Amino acid sequence: MRKKCRWNRFVAASALALAAIMGGCKGAPAYQGSQRDVLATYKVRRLTADLPPTIRVPAAVAAGKGALLSRGYAIKAASMTEDSGHIEGAPADPGILESIWIDIRQTSSGTRVRIIAEPLGNQVKSRAILDAMLSQLGL
């Protein structure tokens, strides 16, 4: 009986810790850019923003690279097509598994950007990188 009680406590504590790390299921939306007209939502380690239809994937990829380089990151990997792009950056002095991932996809309504600060996610860092991208895009 004691083992079952300890197991239940462990499961409950693990669930609470996971919920604290993930920040709940509800996203945290906020407007970004110089005109505060780009809505970006942070949810479960990922910041997602839809750019206006005038911004194409190649321009967003270039802005992502520029944003990372201006913040002292090295570009570890980058790929791009007309419809999608991916950038992986690493800080000059990375911690354990520390990196930034930027995924860019063309959607029916515009261009979608997703930023993940590895390993656990970092909303402040992700939003700062998005702001740098938006600045380079003139938004």
C-alpha atoms as a PDB file:
ATOM      1  CA  MET A   1       0.000   0.000   0.000  1.00  0.00           C
ATOM      2  CA  ARG A   2       2.868   2.363   0.809  1.00  0.00           C
ATOM      3  CA  LYS A   3       4.432   1.900  -2.624  1.00  0.00           C
ATOM      4  CA  LYS A   4       1.152   2.805  -4.313  1.00  0.00           C
ATOM      5  CA  CYS A   5       0.865   6.004  -2.240  1.00  0.00           C
ATOM      6  CA  ARG A   6       4.450   7.011  -3.072  1.00  0.00           C
ATOM      7  CA  TRP A   7       3.804   6.303  -6.746  1.00  0.00           C
ATOM      8  CA  ASN A   8       0.679   8.507  -6.722  1.00  0.00           C
ATOM      9  CA  ARG A   9       2.649  11.331  -5.099  1.00  0.00           C
ATOM     10  CA  PHE A  10       5.400  10.940  -7.682  1.00  0.00           C
ATOM     11  CA  VAL A  11       2.910  11.025 -10.560  1.00  0.00           C
ATOM     12  CA  ALA A  12       1.159  14.087  -9.105  1.00  0.00           C
ATOM     13  CA  ALA A  13       4.447  15.928  -8.538  1.00  0.00           C
ATOM     14  CA  SER A  14       5.622  15.051 -12.057  1.00  0.00           C
ATOM     15  CA  ALA A  15       2.370  16.322 -13.571  1.00  0.00           C
ATOM     16  CA  LEU A  16       2.685  19.618 -11.667  1.00  0.00           C
ATOM     17  CA  ALA A  17       6.308  20.032 -12.746  1.00  0.00           C
ATOM     18  CA  LEU A  18       5.434  19.333 -16.371  1.00  0.00           C
ATOM     19  CA  ALA A  19       2.563  21.828 -16.260  1.00  0.00           C
ATOM     20  CA  ALA A  20       4.897  24.467 -14.804  1.00  0.00           C
ATOM     21  CA  ILE A  21       7.507  23.855 -17.496  1.00  0.00           C
ATOM     22  CA  MET A  22       5.011  23.867 -20.351  1.00  0.00           C
ATOM     23  CA  GLY A  23       3.258  26.980 -19.064  1.00  0.00           C
ATOM     24  CA  GLY A  24      -0.200  25.465 -19.438  1.00  0.00           C
ATOM     25  CA  CYS A  25      -2.084  24.900 -22.654  1.00  0.00           C
ATOM     26  CA  LYS A  26      -3.299  28.429 -23.185  1.00  0.00           C
ATOM     27  CA  GLY A  27      -1.124  30.520 -25.492  1.00  0.00           C
ATOM     28  CA  ALA A  28       0.254  33.932 -24.554  1.00  0.00           C
ATOM     29  CA  PRO A  29      -0.601  36.298 -27.446  1.00  0.00           C
ATOM     30  CA  ALA A  30       0.983  39.736 -27.865  1.00  0.00           C
ATOM     31  CA  TYR A  31       1.345  42.185 -30.730  1.00  0.00           C
ATOM     32  CA  GLN A  32       4.874  42.852 -31.977  1.00  0.00           C
ATOM     33  CA  GLY A  33       6.647  44.979 -34.577  1.00  0.00           C
ATOM     34  CA  SER A  34       7.100  48.747 -34.830  1.00  0.00           C
ATOM     35  CA  GLN A  35       3.365  49.259 -35.448  1.00  0.00           C
ATOM     36  CA  ARG A  36       2.364  46.447 -33.064  1.00  0.00           C
ATOM     37  CA  ASP A  37       0.388  44.833 -35.869  1.00  0.00           C
ATOM     38  CA  VAL A  38       1.906  41.326 -35.947  1.00  0.00           C
ATOM     39  CA  LEU A  39       0.212  38.971 -33.493  1.00  0.00           C
ATOM     40  CA  ALA A  40       2.622  36.421 -32.004  1.00  0.00           C
ATOM     41  CA  THR A  41       1.484  33.631 -29.694  1.00  0.00           C
ATOM     42  CA  TYR A  42       3.795  31.754 -27.330  1.00  0.00           C
ATOM     43  CA  LYS A  43       2.593  28.265 -26.492  1.00  0.00           C
ATOM     44  CA  VAL A  44       4.466  25.182 -25.282  1.00  0.00           C
ATOM     45  CA  ARG A  45       8.017  26.424 -26.028  1.00  0.00           C
ATOM     46  CA  ARG A  46       7.050  27.811 -29.460  1.00  0.00           C
ATOM     47  CA  LEU A  47       6.437  31.374 -30.617  1.00  0.00           C
ATOM     48  CA  THR A  48       4.228  31.530 -33.731  1.00  0.00           C
ATOM     49  CA  ALA A  49       3.479  34.624 -35.818  1.00  0.00           C
ATOM     50  CA  ASP A  50       1.758  35.173 -39.143  1.00  0.00           C
ATOM     51  CA  LEU A  51       3.437  37.811 -41.276  1.00  0.00           C
ATOM     52  CA  PRO A  52       1.581  39.858 -43.896  1.00  0.00           C
ATOM     53  CA  PRO A  53       1.162  38.266 -47.356  1.00  0.00           C
ATOM     54  CA  THR A  54       3.622  40.788 -48.823  1.00  0.00           C
ATOM     55  CA  ILE A  55       6.472  39.101 -46.929  1.00  0.00           C
ATOM     56  CA  ARG A  56       7.781  36.081 -48.827  1.00  0.00           C
ATOM     57  CA  VAL A  57       9.687  33.128 -47.375  1.00  0.00           C
ATOM     58  CA  PRO A  58      13.135  34.122 -48.777  1.00  0.00           C
ATOM     59  CA  ALA A  59      12.861  37.594 -47.205  1.00  0.00           C
ATOM     60  CA  ALA A  60      11.805  36.090 -43.864  1.00  0.00           C
ATOM     61  CA  VAL A  61      14.718  33.618 -43.964  1.00  0.00           C
ATOM     62  CA  ALA A  62      17.174  36.441 -44.663  1.00  0.00           C
ATOM     63  CA  ALA A  63      15.671  38.446 -41.784  1.00  0.00           C
ATOM     64  CA  GLY A  64      15.924  35.410 -39.489  1.00  0.00           C
ATOM     65  CA  LYS A  65      19.592  34.919 -40.318  1.00  0.00           C
ATOM     66  CA  GLY A  66      20.271  38.629 -39.828  1.00  0.00           C
ATOM     67  CA  ALA A  67      18.433  38.658 -36.493  1.00  0.00           C
ATOM     68  CA  LEU A  68      20.464  35.723 -35.189  1.00  0.00           C
ATOM     69  CA  LEU A  69      23.801  37.068 -36.459  1.00  0.00           C
ATOM     70  CA  SER A  70      23.127  40.515 -34.960  1.00  0.00           C
ATOM     71  CA  ARG A  71      22.521  38.873 -31.580  1.00  0.00           C
ATOM     72  CA  GLY A  72      25.840  36.961 -31.694  1.00  0.00           C
ATOM     73  CA  TYR A  73      24.532  33.608 -32.877  1.00  0.00           C
ATOM     74  CA  ALA A  74      26.302  31.394 -35.382  1.00  0.00           C
ATOM     75  CA  ILE A  75      24.203  29.836 -38.130  1.00  0.00           C
ATOM     76  CA  LYS A  76      24.599  26.067 -37.721  1.00  0.00           C
ATOM     77  CA  ALA A  77      22.219  25.106 -40.532  1.00  0.00           C
ATOM     78  CA  ALA A  78      19.934  26.842 -42.979  1.00  0.00           C
ATOM     79  CA  SER A  79      17.769  25.681 -45.851  1.00  0.00           C
ATOM     80  CA  MET A  80      15.207  27.397 -48.016  1.00  0.00           C
ATOM     81  CA  THR A  81      12.780  26.848 -50.856  1.00  0.00           C
ATOM     82  CA  GLU A  82      10.198  29.265 -52.211  1.00  0.00           C
ATOM     83  CA  ASP A  83       7.603  27.806 -49.782  1.00  0.00           C
ATOM     84  CA  SER A  84       9.583  27.003 -46.634  1.00  0.00           C
ATOM     85  CA  GLY A  85      12.763  27.723 -44.773  1.00  0.00           C
ATOM     86  CA  HIS A  86      14.618  26.572 -41.686  1.00  0.00           C
ATOM     87  CA  ILE A  87      17.405  28.183 -39.676  1.00  0.00           C
ATOM     88  CA  GLU A  88      19.285  26.749 -36.717  1.00  0.00           C
ATOM     89  CA  GLY A  89      21.454  29.085 -34.678  1.00  0.00           C
ATOM     90  CA  ALA A  90      23.748  28.576 -31.706  1.00  0.00           C
ATOM     91  CA  PRO A  91      25.015  31.194 -29.266  1.00  0.00           C
ATOM     92  CA  ALA A  92      28.753  31.883 -29.051  1.00  0.00           C
ATOM     93  CA  ASP A  93      28.949  30.116 -25.675  1.00  0.00           C
ATOM     94  CA  PRO A  94      26.100  27.574 -25.748  1.00  0.00           C
ATOM     95  CA  GLY A  95      24.882  25.782 -22.659  1.00  0.00           C
ATOM     96  CA  ILE A  96      23.712  22.196 -22.789  1.00  0.00           C
ATOM     97  CA  LEU A  97      21.759  21.718 -26.032  1.00  0.00           C
ATOM     98  CA  GLU A  98      21.163  25.480 -26.311  1.00  0.00           C
ATOM     99  CA  SER A  99      20.088  26.618 -29.760  1.00  0.00           C
ATOM    100  CA  ILE A 100      17.438  28.587 -31.648  1.00  0.00           C
ATOM    101  CA  TRP A 101      15.251  27.077 -34.359  1.00  0.00           C
ATOM    102  CA  ILE A 102      13.344  29.261 -36.806  1.00  0.00           C
ATOM    103  CA  ASP A 103      10.891  27.581 -39.178  1.00  0.00           C
ATOM    104  CA  ILE A 104       9.208  29.622 -41.893  1.00  0.00           C
ATOM    105  CA  ARG A 105       6.335  28.341 -44.042  1.00  0.00           C
ATOM    106  CA  GLN A 106       4.172  29.863 -46.738  1.00  0.00           C
ATOM    107  CA  THR A 107       0.479  29.588 -45.848  1.00  0.00           C
ATOM    108  CA  SER A 108      -2.645  30.524 -47.749  1.00  0.00           C
ATOM    109  CA  SER A 109      -2.850  33.819 -45.837  1.00  0.00           C
ATOM    110  CA  GLY A 110       0.820  34.814 -45.655  1.00  0.00           C
ATOM    111  CA  THR A 111       4.053  33.595 -44.125  1.00  0.00           C
ATOM    112  CA  ARG A 112       4.141  31.791 -40.772  1.00  0.00           C
ATOM    113  CA  VAL A 113       7.193  32.009 -38.515  1.00  0.00           C
ATOM    114  CA  ARG A 114       7.844  29.611 -35.632  1.00  0.00           C
ATOM    115  CA  ILE A 115      10.692  30.173 -33.211  1.00  0.00           C
ATOM    116  CA  ILE A 116      11.844  27.689 -30.571  1.00  0.00           C
ATOM    117  CA  ALA A 117      14.598  28.477 -28.066  1.00  0.00           C
ATOM    118  CA  GLU A 118      16.000  25.068 -27.124  1.00  0.00           C
ATOM    119  CA  PRO A 119      16.120  23.166 -24.842  1.00  0.00           C
ATOM    120  CA  LEU A 120      13.164  24.310 -22.695  1.00  0.00           C
ATOM    121  CA  GLY A 121      11.817  27.305 -24.580  1.00  0.00           C
ATOM    122  CA  ASN A 122      12.267  30.962 -23.686  1.00  0.00           C
ATOM    123  CA  GLN A 123       9.488  33.401 -24.490  1.00  0.00           C
ATOM    124  CA  VAL A 124      11.562  36.548 -23.937  1.00  0.00           C
ATOM    125  CA  LYS A 125      14.395  35.355 -26.177  1.00  0.00           C
ATOM    126  CA  SER A 126      11.992  34.141 -28.866  1.00  0.00           C
ATOM    127  CA  ARG A 127      10.092  37.448 -28.893  1.00  0.00           C
ATOM    128  CA  ALA A 128      13.343  39.434 -29.063  1.00  0.00           C
ATOM    129  CA  ILE A 129      14.435  37.445 -32.111  1.00  0.00           C
ATOM    130  CA  LEU A 130      11.044  37.954 -33.758  1.00  0.00           C
ATOM    131  CA  ASP A 131      11.250  41.702 -33.081  1.00  0.00           C
ATOM    132  CA  ALA A 132      14.697  41.793 -34.704  1.00  0.00           C
ATOM    133  CA  MET A 133      13.295  39.924 -37.726  1.00  0.00           C
ATOM    134  CA  LEU A 134      10.330  42.291 -37.998  1.00  0.00           C
ATOM    135  CA  SER A 135      12.637  45.299 -37.780  1.00  0.00           C
ATOM    136  CA  GLN A 136      14.739  43.976 -40.664  1.00  0.00           C
ATOM    137  CA  LEU A 137      11.549  43.401 -42.660  1.00  0.00           C
ATOM    138  CA  GLY A 138      10.358  46.950 -41.990  1.00  0.00           C
ATOM    139  CA  LEU A 139       7.392  45.823 -39.890  1.00  0.00           C
END
